Amino acid sequence: MALVSPNLMTDDVIRPIRESYDRVADEYARRIFDELQHKPLDCDLLHRFATAVSGRGDVCDMGCGPGQVARYLRDAGATVFGLDLSPQMLEQARRLNPDISFREGNMLALDLRDGALAGIAAFYAIVNIPKKFLSSVFREMERVLQPGGLLLLAFHTGDEALHEQELWGRPISMDFFLLPPIAIRRYLEEAGLVIDEIIEREPYAPEVEYQSRRAYIFARKPG
């Protein structure tokens, strides 16, 4: 499969994602920050992840939003920081988690050295990334993981793109991608990662989350 250079992830793609999340950041934080209280499987998987990476080095909550995953991992003993594309979302994350470090970053060109991380938690971080860029995203993740480093990836399953122009009454312009687990497995393996486990579940109640089927993948860098 041909790789797509990060340089081709032009501002035409990045800018609408950043601007859209900037517009909804405060409402997103209000609605989403406490969501894990109602998602027992997510908590179980994050606890398993935190146990596996604890004491091994830094962990990144990639696409951190308001920092609810970083908060959970920090409380579970992981040495975690958050990374997000949206400055306004990072402002919310810092407000809600003053004891955790958050930084701006692009998954296609991570400002991290090779082998810097013991783990990456990427909960819905790829939801707005066009499929043609996923290989580059996963190769960047593989690059910054240390040998034996662990990735926990969560995403919506399906095989379609939904274009949204409004969220919670605010204007946005973003595509949301539902992805087949078998395709994501292939992308991860092509990036050099080894799949430990794939878990799928039906959606929780409508008042808890968007009604899509979810998948979680534990993948590891060989070493």
N, C-alpha and C. Protein backbone atom coordinates (compact mmCIF):
# COMPACT_ATOMS: atom_id res chain seq x y z
N MET A 1 0.84 -1.19 0.00
CA MET A 1 0.00 0.00 0.00
C MET A 1 0.88 1.25 0.00
N ALA A 2 0.60 2.18 -0.88
CA ALA A 2 1.39 3.41 -0.96
C ALA A 2 1.12 4.28 0.26
N LEU A 3 2.17 4.86 0.78
CA LEU A 3 2.04 5.75 1.92
C LEU A 3 1.72 7.15 1.45
N VAL A 4 1.01 7.90 2.30
CA VAL A 4 0.72 9.29 2.02
C VAL A 4 1.60 10.14 2.91
N SER A 5 2.36 11.03 2.31
CA SER A 5 3.25 11.88 3.08
C SER A 5 2.46 12.79 4.00
N PRO A 6 2.95 13.02 5.24
CA PRO A 6 2.30 13.98 6.12
C PRO A 6 2.19 15.36 5.49
N ASN A 7 3.11 15.69 4.56
CA ASN A 7 3.04 16.99 3.92
C ASN A 7 1.79 17.16 3.08
N LEU A 8 1.18 16.03 2.70
CA LEU A 8 -0.05 16.09 1.91
C LEU A 8 -1.29 16.28 2.77
N MET A 9 -1.13 16.15 4.11
CA MET A 9 -2.24 16.44 5.01
C MET A 9 -2.31 17.96 5.12
N THR A 10 -2.83 18.60 4.08
CA THR A 10 -2.72 20.04 3.91
C THR A 10 -3.62 20.77 4.89
N ASP A 11 -3.42 22.08 4.93
CA ASP A 11 -4.23 22.92 5.79
C ASP A 11 -5.70 22.83 5.43
N ASP A 12 -6.00 22.48 4.17
CA ASP A 12 -7.40 22.32 3.76
C ASP A 12 -8.09 21.21 4.54
N VAL A 13 -7.32 20.22 4.99
CA VAL A 13 -7.87 19.13 5.79
C VAL A 13 -7.81 19.45 7.28
N ILE A 14 -6.64 19.94 7.72
CA ILE A 14 -6.42 20.20 9.15
C ILE A 14 -7.27 21.36 9.66
N ARG A 15 -7.32 22.43 8.91
CA ARG A 15 -7.97 23.65 9.40
C ARG A 15 -9.43 23.45 9.79
N PRO A 16 -10.26 22.80 8.95
CA PRO A 16 -11.67 22.62 9.36
C PRO A 16 -11.82 21.78 10.63
N ILE A 17 -10.95 20.78 10.82
CA ILE A 17 -11.02 19.96 12.03
C ILE A 17 -10.69 20.79 13.25
N ARG A 18 -9.58 21.53 13.17
CA ARG A 18 -9.16 22.36 14.30
C ARG A 18 -10.22 23.42 14.62
N GLU A 19 -10.69 24.12 13.58
CA GLU A 19 -11.66 25.20 13.80
C GLU A 19 -12.98 24.66 14.33
N SER A 20 -13.39 23.49 13.84
CA SER A 20 -14.66 22.92 14.31
C SER A 20 -14.59 22.55 15.78
N TYR A 21 -13.50 21.89 16.19
CA TYR A 21 -13.37 21.53 17.60
C TYR A 21 -13.16 22.76 18.48
N ASP A 22 -12.50 23.78 17.95
CA ASP A 22 -12.38 25.03 18.71
C ASP A 22 -13.76 25.62 19.00
N ARG A 23 -14.67 25.56 18.02
CA ARG A 23 -16.00 26.15 18.19
C ARG A 23 -16.84 25.42 19.24
N VAL A 24 -16.65 24.13 19.38
CA VAL A 24 -17.51 23.35 20.29
C VAL A 24 -16.81 22.93 21.57
N ALA A 25 -15.58 23.41 21.80
CA ALA A 25 -14.75 22.87 22.88
C ALA A 25 -15.41 22.95 24.24
N ASP A 26 -15.99 24.09 24.58
CA ASP A 26 -16.58 24.22 25.92
C ASP A 26 -17.79 23.31 26.10
N GLU A 27 -18.63 23.21 25.06
CA GLU A 27 -19.80 22.34 25.14
C GLU A 27 -19.39 20.86 25.10
N TYR A 28 -18.38 20.56 24.31
CA TYR A 28 -17.85 19.20 24.26
C TYR A 28 -17.37 18.77 25.64
N ALA A 29 -16.62 19.65 26.30
CA ALA A 29 -16.11 19.33 27.64
C ALA A 29 -17.27 19.13 28.62
N ARG A 30 -18.27 19.97 28.53
CA ARG A 30 -19.41 19.86 29.45
C ARG A 30 -20.14 18.53 29.28
N ARG A 31 -20.28 18.08 28.03
CA ARG A 31 -21.04 16.87 27.75
C ARG A 31 -20.21 15.59 27.89
N ILE A 32 -18.92 15.65 27.60
CA ILE A 32 -18.12 14.44 27.42
C ILE A 32 -17.19 14.14 28.59
N PHE A 33 -16.79 15.14 29.37
CA PHE A 33 -15.72 14.91 30.33
C PHE A 33 -16.06 13.80 31.34
N ASP A 34 -17.31 13.66 31.71
CA ASP A 34 -17.70 12.64 32.70
C ASP A 34 -18.21 11.35 32.07
N GLU A 35 -18.04 11.18 30.77
CA GLU A 35 -18.68 10.06 30.08
C GLU A 35 -18.22 8.70 30.58
N LEU A 36 -16.98 8.57 31.02
CA LEU A 36 -16.47 7.26 31.41
C LEU A 36 -17.18 6.69 32.63
N GLN A 37 -17.83 7.54 33.41
CA GLN A 37 -18.61 7.06 34.54
C GLN A 37 -19.71 6.10 34.10
N HIS A 38 -20.12 6.21 32.83
CA HIS A 38 -21.23 5.41 32.31
C HIS A 38 -20.78 4.36 31.31
N LYS A 39 -19.46 4.12 31.22
CA LYS A 39 -18.93 3.19 30.23
C LYS A 39 -18.01 2.17 30.90
N PRO A 40 -18.59 1.13 31.50
CA PRO A 40 -17.78 0.19 32.28
C PRO A 40 -16.73 -0.56 31.46
N LEU A 41 -17.05 -0.94 30.22
CA LEU A 41 -16.05 -1.66 29.42
C LEU A 41 -14.87 -0.75 29.12
N ASP A 42 -15.13 0.49 28.76
CA ASP A 42 -14.06 1.43 28.48
C ASP A 42 -13.14 1.56 29.71
N CYS A 43 -13.74 1.67 30.88
CA CYS A 43 -12.95 1.79 32.11
C CYS A 43 -12.12 0.54 32.35
N ASP A 44 -12.70 -0.62 32.12
CA ASP A 44 -11.96 -1.86 32.31
C ASP A 44 -10.75 -1.92 31.37
N LEU A 45 -10.95 -1.54 30.11
CA LEU A 45 -9.86 -1.59 29.14
C LEU A 45 -8.78 -0.55 29.45
N LEU A 46 -9.20 0.64 29.87
CA LEU A 46 -8.23 1.66 30.23
C LEU A 46 -7.44 1.26 31.48
N HIS A 47 -8.10 0.60 32.42
CA HIS A 47 -7.39 0.13 33.61
C HIS A 47 -6.37 -0.94 33.23
N ARG A 48 -6.76 -1.83 32.33
CA ARG A 48 -5.84 -2.86 31.85
C ARG A 48 -4.64 -2.22 31.15
N PHE A 49 -4.91 -1.22 30.33
CA PHE A 49 -3.85 -0.50 29.64
C PHE A 49 -2.92 0.19 30.63
N ALA A 50 -3.49 0.90 31.61
CA ALA A 50 -2.69 1.63 32.60
C ALA A 50 -1.81 0.68 33.39
N THR A 51 -2.34 -0.47 33.74
CA THR A 51 -1.55 -1.46 34.49
C THR A 51 -0.36 -1.95 33.66
N ALA A 52 -0.59 -2.14 32.35
CA ALA A 52 0.46 -2.66 31.48
C ALA A 52 1.59 -1.66 31.26
N VAL A 53 1.27 -0.35 31.25
CA VAL A 53 2.29 0.65 30.92
C VAL A 53 2.86 1.34 32.16
N SER A 54 2.25 1.15 33.30
CA SER A 54 2.69 1.84 34.51
C SER A 54 4.14 1.51 34.83
N GLY A 55 4.93 2.55 35.09
CA GLY A 55 6.33 2.38 35.44
C GLY A 55 7.26 2.17 34.27
N ARG A 56 6.74 2.16 33.05
CA ARG A 56 7.57 1.90 31.87
C ARG A 56 7.97 3.17 31.12
N GLY A 57 7.34 4.31 31.49
CA GLY A 57 7.67 5.56 30.80
C GLY A 57 6.43 6.37 30.51
N ASP A 58 6.59 7.37 29.66
CA ASP A 58 5.50 8.29 29.35
C ASP A 58 4.44 7.63 28.48
N VAL A 59 3.20 8.08 28.70
CA VAL A 59 2.04 7.62 27.94
C VAL A 59 1.34 8.84 27.37
N CYS A 60 0.88 8.74 26.13
CA CYS A 60 0.18 9.84 25.47
C CYS A 60 -1.29 9.49 25.27
N ASP A 61 -2.17 10.38 25.76
CA ASP A 61 -3.59 10.35 25.41
C ASP A 61 -3.70 11.17 24.13
N MET A 62 -3.75 10.49 23.00
CA MET A 62 -3.66 11.14 21.69
C MET A 62 -5.05 11.48 21.18
N GLY A 63 -5.23 12.75 20.78
CA GLY A 63 -6.57 13.23 20.47
C GLY A 63 -7.36 13.37 21.75
N CYS A 64 -6.76 14.03 22.73
CA CYS A 64 -7.23 13.95 24.12
C CYS A 64 -8.52 14.69 24.40
N GLY A 65 -8.93 15.63 23.52
CA GLY A 65 -10.13 16.40 23.83
C GLY A 65 -10.01 17.08 25.18
N PRO A 66 -11.05 17.06 26.01
CA PRO A 66 -10.99 17.70 27.32
C PRO A 66 -10.24 16.91 28.38
N GLY A 67 -9.68 15.76 28.00
CA GLY A 67 -8.77 15.05 28.89
C GLY A 67 -9.37 14.01 29.80
N GLN A 68 -10.55 13.50 29.45
CA GLN A 68 -11.18 12.51 30.33
C GLN A 68 -10.41 11.19 30.37
N VAL A 69 -9.82 10.79 29.25
CA VAL A 69 -9.02 9.56 29.22
C VAL A 69 -7.70 9.78 29.96
N ALA A 70 -7.07 10.91 29.73
CA ALA A 70 -5.85 11.23 30.48
C ALA A 70 -6.10 11.24 31.98
N ARG A 71 -7.23 11.81 32.37
CA ARG A 71 -7.59 11.85 33.81
C ARG A 71 -7.70 10.44 34.37
N TYR A 72 -8.39 9.55 33.65
CA TYR A 72 -8.57 8.19 34.12
C TYR A 72 -7.21 7.48 34.23
N LEU A 73 -6.38 7.64 33.21
CA LEU A 73 -5.08 6.97 33.21
C LEU A 73 -4.18 7.50 34.32
N ARG A 74 -4.20 8.81 34.52
CA ARG A 74 -3.38 9.39 35.61
C ARG A 74 -3.83 8.83 36.95
N ASP A 75 -5.14 8.78 37.18
CA ASP A 75 -5.65 8.27 38.44
C ASP A 75 -5.37 6.78 38.61
N ALA A 76 -5.16 6.08 37.48
CA ALA A 76 -4.85 4.65 37.53
C ALA A 76 -3.35 4.38 37.62
N GLY A 77 -2.53 5.44 37.69
CA GLY A 77 -1.11 5.27 37.93
C GLY A 77 -0.20 5.47 36.75
N ALA A 78 -0.74 5.84 35.58
CA ALA A 78 0.10 6.04 34.40
C ALA A 78 0.72 7.44 34.41
N THR A 79 1.91 7.57 33.84
CA THR A 79 2.56 8.86 33.66
C THR A 79 2.12 9.39 32.30
N VAL A 80 1.09 10.22 32.28
CA VAL A 80 0.38 10.53 31.05
C VAL A 80 0.42 12.02 30.74
N PHE A 81 0.43 12.33 29.45
CA PHE A 81 0.18 13.68 28.97
C PHE A 81 -0.81 13.59 27.81
N GLY A 82 -1.46 14.71 27.50
CA GLY A 82 -2.44 14.73 26.44
C GLY A 82 -1.96 15.51 25.24
N LEU A 83 -2.43 15.13 24.06
CA LEU A 83 -2.08 15.81 22.82
C LEU A 83 -3.34 15.98 21.99
N ASP A 84 -3.52 17.19 21.44
CA ASP A 84 -4.70 17.45 20.62
C ASP A 84 -4.38 18.52 19.60
N LEU A 85 -5.16 18.54 18.52
CA LEU A 85 -5.01 19.50 17.45
C LEU A 85 -5.62 20.86 17.79
N SER A 86 -6.63 20.87 18.66
CA SER A 86 -7.44 22.06 18.91
C SER A 86 -6.95 22.84 20.12
N PRO A 87 -6.50 24.09 19.95
CA PRO A 87 -6.07 24.90 21.09
C PRO A 87 -7.18 25.13 22.12
N GLN A 88 -8.40 25.31 21.66
CA GLN A 88 -9.50 25.55 22.61
C GLN A 88 -9.84 24.28 23.39
N MET A 89 -9.72 23.13 22.76
CA MET A 89 -9.94 21.89 23.48
C MET A 89 -8.85 21.69 24.53
N LEU A 90 -7.63 22.04 24.19
CA LEU A 90 -6.53 21.95 25.15
C LEU A 90 -6.75 22.90 26.33
N GLU A 91 -7.32 24.06 26.06
CA GLU A 91 -7.63 24.98 27.15
C GLU A 91 -8.61 24.36 28.13
N GLN A 92 -9.62 23.66 27.60
CA GLN A 92 -10.58 22.96 28.46
C GLN A 92 -9.88 21.84 29.24
N ALA A 93 -9.01 21.10 28.57
CA ALA A 93 -8.31 19.99 29.23
C ALA A 93 -7.45 20.51 30.38
N ARG A 94 -6.76 21.61 30.17
CA ARG A 94 -5.91 22.17 31.23
C ARG A 94 -6.75 22.70 32.39
N ARG A 95 -7.89 23.27 32.07
CA ARG A 95 -8.78 23.77 33.13
C ARG A 95 -9.30 22.64 34.00
N LEU A 96 -9.65 21.53 33.37
CA LEU A 96 -10.25 20.41 34.08
C LEU A 96 -9.21 19.50 34.74
N ASN A 97 -7.98 19.55 34.25
CA ASN A 97 -6.92 18.66 34.74
C ASN A 97 -5.64 19.45 34.97
N PRO A 98 -5.60 20.33 35.94
CA PRO A 98 -4.43 21.20 36.11
C PRO A 98 -3.14 20.46 36.46
N ASP A 99 -3.25 19.20 36.87
CA ASP A 99 -2.06 18.43 37.25
C ASP A 99 -1.52 17.57 36.11
N ILE A 100 -2.10 17.70 34.91
CA ILE A 100 -1.67 16.92 33.75
C ILE A 100 -1.19 17.87 32.66
N SER A 101 -0.13 17.48 31.97
CA SER A 101 0.40 18.29 30.88
C SER A 101 -0.35 18.00 29.58
N PHE A 102 -0.67 19.07 28.85
CA PHE A 102 -1.33 18.94 27.55
C PHE A 102 -0.58 19.79 26.54
N ARG A 103 -0.48 19.27 25.31
CA ARG A 103 0.25 19.99 24.28
C ARG A 103 -0.45 19.86 22.93
N GLU A 104 -0.23 20.83 22.08
CA GLU A 104 -0.81 20.82 20.74
C GLU A 104 0.04 19.94 19.83
N GLY A 105 -0.62 19.17 18.95
CA GLY A 105 0.14 18.31 18.06
C GLY A 105 -0.72 17.71 16.96
N ASN A 106 -0.06 17.23 15.92
CA ASN A 106 -0.67 16.64 14.74
C ASN A 106 -0.22 15.18 14.65
N MET A 107 -1.16 14.26 14.61
CA MET A 107 -0.82 12.84 14.60
C MET A 107 0.00 12.41 13.38
N LEU A 108 -0.07 13.18 12.30
CA LEU A 108 0.68 12.83 11.11
C LEU A 108 2.14 13.25 11.17
N ALA A 109 2.47 14.10 12.11
CA ALA A 109 3.85 14.56 12.26
C ALA A 109 4.09 14.85 13.73
N LEU A 110 4.23 13.79 14.52
CA LEU A 110 4.35 13.93 15.97
C LEU A 110 5.70 14.54 16.35
N ASP A 111 5.65 15.54 17.20
CA ASP A 111 6.86 16.19 17.68
C ASP A 111 7.39 15.40 18.88
N LEU A 112 7.72 14.15 18.64
CA LEU A 112 8.22 13.24 19.66
C LEU A 112 9.36 12.43 19.05
N ARG A 113 10.35 12.13 19.87
CA ARG A 113 11.48 11.34 19.37
C ARG A 113 11.07 9.88 19.18
N ASP A 114 11.84 9.17 18.39
CA ASP A 114 11.62 7.74 18.19
C ASP A 114 11.68 7.03 19.55
N GLY A 115 10.74 6.13 19.78
CA GLY A 115 10.74 5.32 21.00
C GLY A 115 10.48 6.09 22.27
N ALA A 116 9.80 7.23 22.17
CA ALA A 116 9.61 8.09 23.35
C ALA A 116 8.56 7.57 24.32
N LEU A 117 7.62 6.75 23.85
CA LEU A 117 6.43 6.44 24.64
C LEU A 117 6.33 4.97 25.03
N ALA A 118 5.89 4.75 26.26
CA ALA A 118 5.55 3.40 26.71
C ALA A 118 4.18 2.98 26.20
N GLY A 119 3.33 3.96 25.92
CA GLY A 119 1.98 3.63 25.47
C GLY A 119 1.28 4.80 24.84
N ILE A 120 0.30 4.50 24.01
CA ILE A 120 -0.59 5.48 23.39
C ILE A 120 -2.01 5.01 23.59
N ALA A 121 -2.85 5.86 24.17
CA ALA A 121 -4.29 5.65 24.20
C ALA A 121 -4.90 6.61 23.19
N ALA A 122 -5.56 6.08 22.19
CA ALA A 122 -6.13 6.90 21.12
C ALA A 122 -7.61 6.58 21.02
N PHE A 123 -8.41 7.26 21.85
CA PHE A 123 -9.85 7.02 21.88
C PHE A 123 -10.54 7.96 20.91
N TYR A 124 -10.94 7.40 19.76
CA TYR A 124 -11.65 8.14 18.71
C TYR A 124 -10.77 9.22 18.09
N ALA A 125 -9.47 9.10 18.23
CA ALA A 125 -8.54 10.08 17.66
C ALA A 125 -8.53 10.04 16.14
N ILE A 126 -8.91 8.89 15.55
CA ILE A 126 -8.85 8.77 14.09
C ILE A 126 -10.20 9.02 13.43
N VAL A 127 -11.19 9.44 14.21
CA VAL A 127 -12.55 9.53 13.70
C VAL A 127 -12.71 10.55 12.57
N ASN A 128 -11.86 11.56 12.52
CA ASN A 128 -11.96 12.60 11.50
C ASN A 128 -10.87 12.50 10.44
N ILE A 129 -10.06 11.45 10.47
CA ILE A 129 -8.92 11.31 9.56
C ILE A 129 -9.34 10.52 8.33
N PRO A 130 -9.21 11.09 7.13
CA PRO A 130 -9.53 10.33 5.91
C PRO A 130 -8.72 9.05 5.82
N LYS A 131 -9.32 8.03 5.26
CA LYS A 131 -8.68 6.71 5.21
C LYS A 131 -7.30 6.74 4.57
N LYS A 132 -7.11 7.59 3.56
CA LYS A 132 -5.84 7.59 2.84
C LYS A 132 -4.67 8.05 3.72
N PHE A 133 -4.97 8.65 4.88
CA PHE A 133 -3.92 9.10 5.77
C PHE A 133 -3.69 8.16 6.95
N LEU A 134 -4.49 7.12 7.10
CA LEU A 134 -4.37 6.28 8.28
C LEU A 134 -3.04 5.53 8.35
N SER A 135 -2.52 5.10 7.21
CA SER A 135 -1.23 4.41 7.24
C SER A 135 -0.15 5.31 7.83
N SER A 136 -0.15 6.59 7.45
CA SER A 136 0.85 7.51 7.98
C SER A 136 0.65 7.76 9.47
N VAL A 137 -0.60 7.86 9.91
CA VAL A 137 -0.89 8.04 11.33
C VAL A 137 -0.35 6.87 12.13
N PHE A 138 -0.62 5.65 11.68
CA PHE A 138 -0.20 4.48 12.45
C PHE A 138 1.32 4.29 12.39
N ARG A 139 1.94 4.68 11.30
CA ARG A 139 3.40 4.59 11.24
C ARG A 139 4.04 5.60 12.21
N GLU A 140 3.43 6.76 12.37
CA GLU A 140 3.92 7.71 13.36
C GLU A 140 3.76 7.14 14.78
N MET A 141 2.63 6.52 15.04
CA MET A 141 2.43 5.90 16.36
C MET A 141 3.48 4.82 16.61
N GLU A 142 3.72 3.98 15.61
CA GLU A 142 4.72 2.93 15.76
C GLU A 142 6.10 3.53 16.01
N ARG A 143 6.40 4.61 15.32
CA ARG A 143 7.73 5.24 15.45
C ARG A 143 7.99 5.72 16.87
N VAL A 144 6.98 6.35 17.49
CA VAL A 144 7.21 6.97 18.80
C VAL A 144 7.02 6.00 19.96
N LEU A 145 6.51 4.79 19.70
CA LEU A 145 6.43 3.78 20.75
C LEU A 145 7.79 3.15 20.98
N GLN A 146 8.11 2.87 22.23
CA GLN A 146 9.32 2.12 22.54
C GLN A 146 9.09 0.65 22.19
N PRO A 147 10.15 -0.13 21.99
CA PRO A 147 9.96 -1.58 21.78
C PRO A 147 9.12 -2.17 22.92
N GLY A 148 8.10 -2.91 22.55
CA GLY A 148 7.17 -3.45 23.54
C GLY A 148 6.08 -2.48 23.94
N GLY A 149 6.12 -1.24 23.40
CA GLY A 149 5.11 -0.24 23.74
C GLY A 149 3.72 -0.64 23.28
N LEU A 150 2.71 -0.16 23.99
CA LEU A 150 1.33 -0.61 23.80
C LEU A 150 0.44 0.51 23.26
N LEU A 151 -0.38 0.18 22.29
CA LEU A 151 -1.41 1.08 21.76
C LEU A 151 -2.78 0.53 22.11
N LEU A 152 -3.65 1.39 22.66
CA LEU A 152 -5.06 1.06 22.82
C LEU A 152 -5.85 2.04 21.96
N LEU A 153 -6.44 1.53 20.91
CA LEU A 153 -7.15 2.32 19.91
C LEU A 153 -8.64 2.04 20.00
N ALA A 154 -9.45 3.10 20.02
CA ALA A 154 -10.91 2.95 20.01
C ALA A 154 -11.48 3.72 18.83
N PHE A 155 -12.51 3.14 18.19
CA PHE A 155 -13.11 3.82 17.03
C PHE A 155 -14.52 3.30 16.80
N HIS A 156 -15.27 4.04 15.99
CA HIS A 156 -16.61 3.64 15.58
C HIS A 156 -16.49 2.64 14.42
N THR A 157 -17.25 1.57 14.45
CA THR A 157 -17.17 0.58 13.38
C THR A 157 -18.25 0.83 12.33
N GLY A 158 -17.96 0.37 11.13
CA GLY A 158 -18.85 0.55 10.00
C GLY A 158 -18.01 0.74 8.76
N ASP A 159 -18.60 1.32 7.73
CA ASP A 159 -17.85 1.58 6.50
C ASP A 159 -18.52 2.73 5.76
N GLU A 160 -18.49 3.90 6.38
CA GLU A 160 -19.11 5.07 5.76
C GLU A 160 -18.51 6.34 6.35
N ALA A 161 -18.74 7.43 5.64
CA ALA A 161 -18.32 8.76 6.10
C ALA A 161 -19.56 9.62 6.26
N LEU A 162 -19.65 10.30 7.38
CA LEU A 162 -20.77 11.19 7.67
C LEU A 162 -20.24 12.61 7.73
N HIS A 163 -20.78 13.48 6.89
CA HIS A 163 -20.36 14.88 6.93
C HIS A 163 -21.33 15.67 7.79
N GLU A 164 -20.80 16.35 8.78
CA GLU A 164 -21.62 17.11 9.72
C GLU A 164 -21.30 18.60 9.61
N GLN A 165 -22.35 19.41 9.59
CA GLN A 165 -22.20 20.86 9.52
C GLN A 165 -22.71 21.57 10.77
N GLU A 166 -23.19 20.78 11.73
CA GLU A 166 -23.65 21.36 12.99
C GLU A 166 -23.48 20.34 14.10
N LEU A 167 -23.07 20.80 15.27
CA LEU A 167 -22.97 19.94 16.45
C LEU A 167 -23.40 20.76 17.65
N TRP A 168 -24.44 20.27 18.35
CA TRP A 168 -24.96 20.95 19.54
C TRP A 168 -25.29 22.41 19.24
N GLY A 169 -25.86 22.64 18.05
CA GLY A 169 -26.30 23.98 17.69
C GLY A 169 -25.21 24.91 17.21
N ARG A 170 -23.99 24.40 17.01
CA ARG A 170 -22.88 25.24 16.58
C ARG A 170 -22.38 24.78 15.20
N PRO A 171 -21.95 25.71 14.37
CA PRO A 171 -21.51 25.34 13.02
C PRO A 171 -20.16 24.64 13.04
N ILE A 172 -20.08 23.53 12.34
CA ILE A 172 -18.81 22.82 12.15
C ILE A 172 -18.73 22.39 10.69
N SER A 173 -17.61 21.86 10.29
CA SER A 173 -17.47 21.26 8.97
C SER A 173 -16.45 20.14 9.07
N MET A 174 -16.97 18.93 9.34
CA MET A 174 -16.09 17.77 9.53
C MET A 174 -16.72 16.50 9.01
N ASP A 175 -15.87 15.60 8.54
CA ASP A 175 -16.29 14.25 8.23
C ASP A 175 -15.99 13.36 9.43
N PHE A 176 -16.91 12.44 9.71
CA PHE A 176 -16.73 11.43 10.75
C PHE A 176 -16.75 10.07 10.07
N PHE A 177 -15.69 9.29 10.31
CA PHE A 177 -15.52 8.03 9.60
C PHE A 177 -15.81 6.85 10.52
N LEU A 178 -16.68 5.94 10.05
CA LEU A 178 -16.92 4.66 10.69
C LEU A 178 -16.10 3.63 9.91
N LEU A 179 -15.34 2.81 10.63
CA LEU A 179 -14.28 2.04 9.99
C LEU A 179 -14.40 0.55 10.29
N PRO A 180 -14.13 -0.32 9.33
CA PRO A 180 -14.18 -1.77 9.56
C PRO A 180 -12.97 -2.22 10.39
N PRO A 181 -13.19 -2.95 11.47
CA PRO A 181 -12.05 -3.42 12.26
C PRO A 181 -11.02 -4.20 11.46
N ILE A 182 -11.45 -4.99 10.49
CA ILE A 182 -10.50 -5.79 9.70
C ILE A 182 -9.57 -4.88 8.91
N ALA A 183 -10.08 -3.73 8.44
CA ALA A 183 -9.24 -2.79 7.70
C ALA A 183 -8.25 -2.10 8.64
N ILE A 184 -8.71 -1.72 9.83
CA ILE A 184 -7.83 -1.07 10.79
C ILE A 184 -6.74 -2.04 11.24
N ARG A 185 -7.10 -3.29 11.42
CA ARG A 185 -6.08 -4.29 11.75
C ARG A 185 -5.00 -4.35 10.67
N ARG A 186 -5.43 -4.33 9.43
CA ARG A 186 -4.46 -4.40 8.33
C ARG A 186 -3.54 -3.17 8.33
N TYR A 187 -4.10 -1.98 8.51
CA TYR A 187 -3.29 -0.76 8.57
C TYR A 187 -2.25 -0.84 9.71
N LEU A 188 -2.70 -1.30 10.87
CA LEU A 188 -1.80 -1.39 12.02
C LEU A 188 -0.67 -2.38 11.76
N GLU A 189 -1.01 -3.53 11.20
CA GLU A 189 0.01 -4.54 10.92
C GLU A 189 0.98 -4.05 9.85
N GLU A 190 0.50 -3.33 8.85
CA GLU A 190 1.38 -2.78 7.82
C GLU A 190 2.31 -1.72 8.40
N ALA A 191 1.86 -1.08 9.49
CA ALA A 191 2.71 -0.09 10.17
C ALA A 191 3.75 -0.74 11.07
N GLY A 192 3.70 -2.05 11.23
CA GLY A 192 4.68 -2.77 12.02
C GLY A 192 4.24 -3.14 13.41
N LEU A 193 2.96 -2.97 13.72
CA LEU A 193 2.44 -3.30 15.04
C LEU A 193 1.82 -4.70 15.03
N VAL A 194 1.86 -5.33 16.19
CA VAL A 194 1.30 -6.68 16.36
C VAL A 194 0.00 -6.57 17.14
N ILE A 195 -1.04 -7.19 16.64
CA ILE A 195 -2.35 -7.11 17.30
C ILE A 195 -2.41 -8.11 18.44
N ASP A 196 -2.72 -7.62 19.64
CA ASP A 196 -2.93 -8.50 20.79
C ASP A 196 -4.39 -8.95 20.88
N GLU A 197 -5.31 -8.00 20.66
CA GLU A 197 -6.73 -8.33 20.86
C GLU A 197 -7.61 -7.27 20.20
N ILE A 198 -8.75 -7.70 19.67
CA ILE A 198 -9.78 -6.80 19.16
C ILE A 198 -11.07 -7.08 19.91
N ILE A 199 -11.65 -6.05 20.48
CA ILE A 199 -12.89 -6.17 21.25
C ILE A 199 -13.93 -5.28 20.60
N GLU A 200 -15.16 -5.77 20.47
CA GLU A 200 -16.24 -4.95 19.93
C GLU A 200 -17.42 -4.96 20.90
N ARG A 201 -18.20 -3.89 20.86
CA ARG A 201 -19.41 -3.82 21.69
C ARG A 201 -20.49 -3.03 20.97
N GLU A 202 -21.72 -3.28 21.38
CA GLU A 202 -22.85 -2.47 20.94
C GLU A 202 -22.84 -1.14 21.70
N PRO A 203 -23.53 -0.12 21.19
CA PRO A 203 -23.52 1.17 21.89
C PRO A 203 -24.24 1.11 23.23
N TYR A 204 -23.77 1.96 24.15
CA TYR A 204 -24.51 2.18 25.38
C TYR A 204 -25.76 2.99 25.05
N ALA A 205 -26.54 3.33 26.06
CA ALA A 205 -27.82 4.02 25.87
C ALA A 205 -27.64 5.35 25.13
N PRO A 206 -28.68 5.81 24.42
CA PRO A 206 -28.57 7.06 23.66
C PRO A 206 -28.18 8.27 24.50
N GLU A 207 -28.57 8.28 25.76
CA GLU A 207 -28.19 9.42 26.60
C GLU A 207 -26.71 9.37 27.00
N VAL A 208 -26.05 8.23 26.75
CA VAL A 208 -24.64 8.08 27.10
C VAL A 208 -23.74 8.41 25.92
N GLU A 209 -24.11 7.97 24.72
CA GLU A 209 -23.22 8.13 23.57
C GLU A 209 -23.98 8.02 22.26
N TYR A 210 -23.32 8.44 21.19
CA TYR A 210 -23.81 8.26 19.83
C TYR A 210 -24.02 6.78 19.56
N GLN A 211 -25.08 6.46 18.82
CA GLN A 211 -25.47 5.07 18.67
C GLN A 211 -24.73 4.36 17.52
N SER A 212 -23.47 4.11 17.76
CA SER A 212 -22.65 3.34 16.81
C SER A 212 -22.00 2.18 17.55
N ARG A 213 -21.72 1.13 16.82
CA ARG A 213 -20.96 0.02 17.37
C ARG A 213 -19.51 0.46 17.55
N ARG A 214 -18.84 -0.02 18.60
CA ARG A 214 -17.49 0.42 18.93
C ARG A 214 -16.50 -0.75 18.86
N ALA A 215 -15.27 -0.42 18.51
CA ALA A 215 -14.19 -1.41 18.51
C ALA A 215 -13.00 -0.85 19.27
N TYR A 216 -12.27 -1.76 19.93
CA TYR A 216 -11.06 -1.43 20.67
C TYR A 216 -9.98 -2.42 20.25
N ILE A 217 -8.81 -1.90 19.96
CA ILE A 217 -7.70 -2.76 19.56
C ILE A 217 -6.52 -2.51 20.47
N PHE A 218 -6.02 -3.60 21.06
CA PHE A 218 -4.72 -3.58 21.74
C PHE A 218 -3.68 -4.02 20.73
N ALA A 219 -2.71 -3.16 20.45
CA ALA A 219 -1.62 -3.49 19.53
C ALA A 219 -0.29 -3.13 20.18
N ARG A 220 0.74 -3.83 19.79
CA ARG A 220 2.03 -3.68 20.47
C ARG A 220 3.16 -3.56 19.43
N LYS A 221 4.13 -2.71 19.76
CA LYS A 221 5.33 -2.65 18.93
C LYS A 221 6.24 -3.81 19.31
N PRO A 222 6.70 -4.58 18.34
CA PRO A 222 7.56 -5.71 18.68
C PRO A 222 8.80 -5.26 19.44
N GLY A 223 9.31 -6.16 20.26
CA GLY A 223 10.50 -5.83 21.00
C GLY A 223 10.58 -6.54 22.30
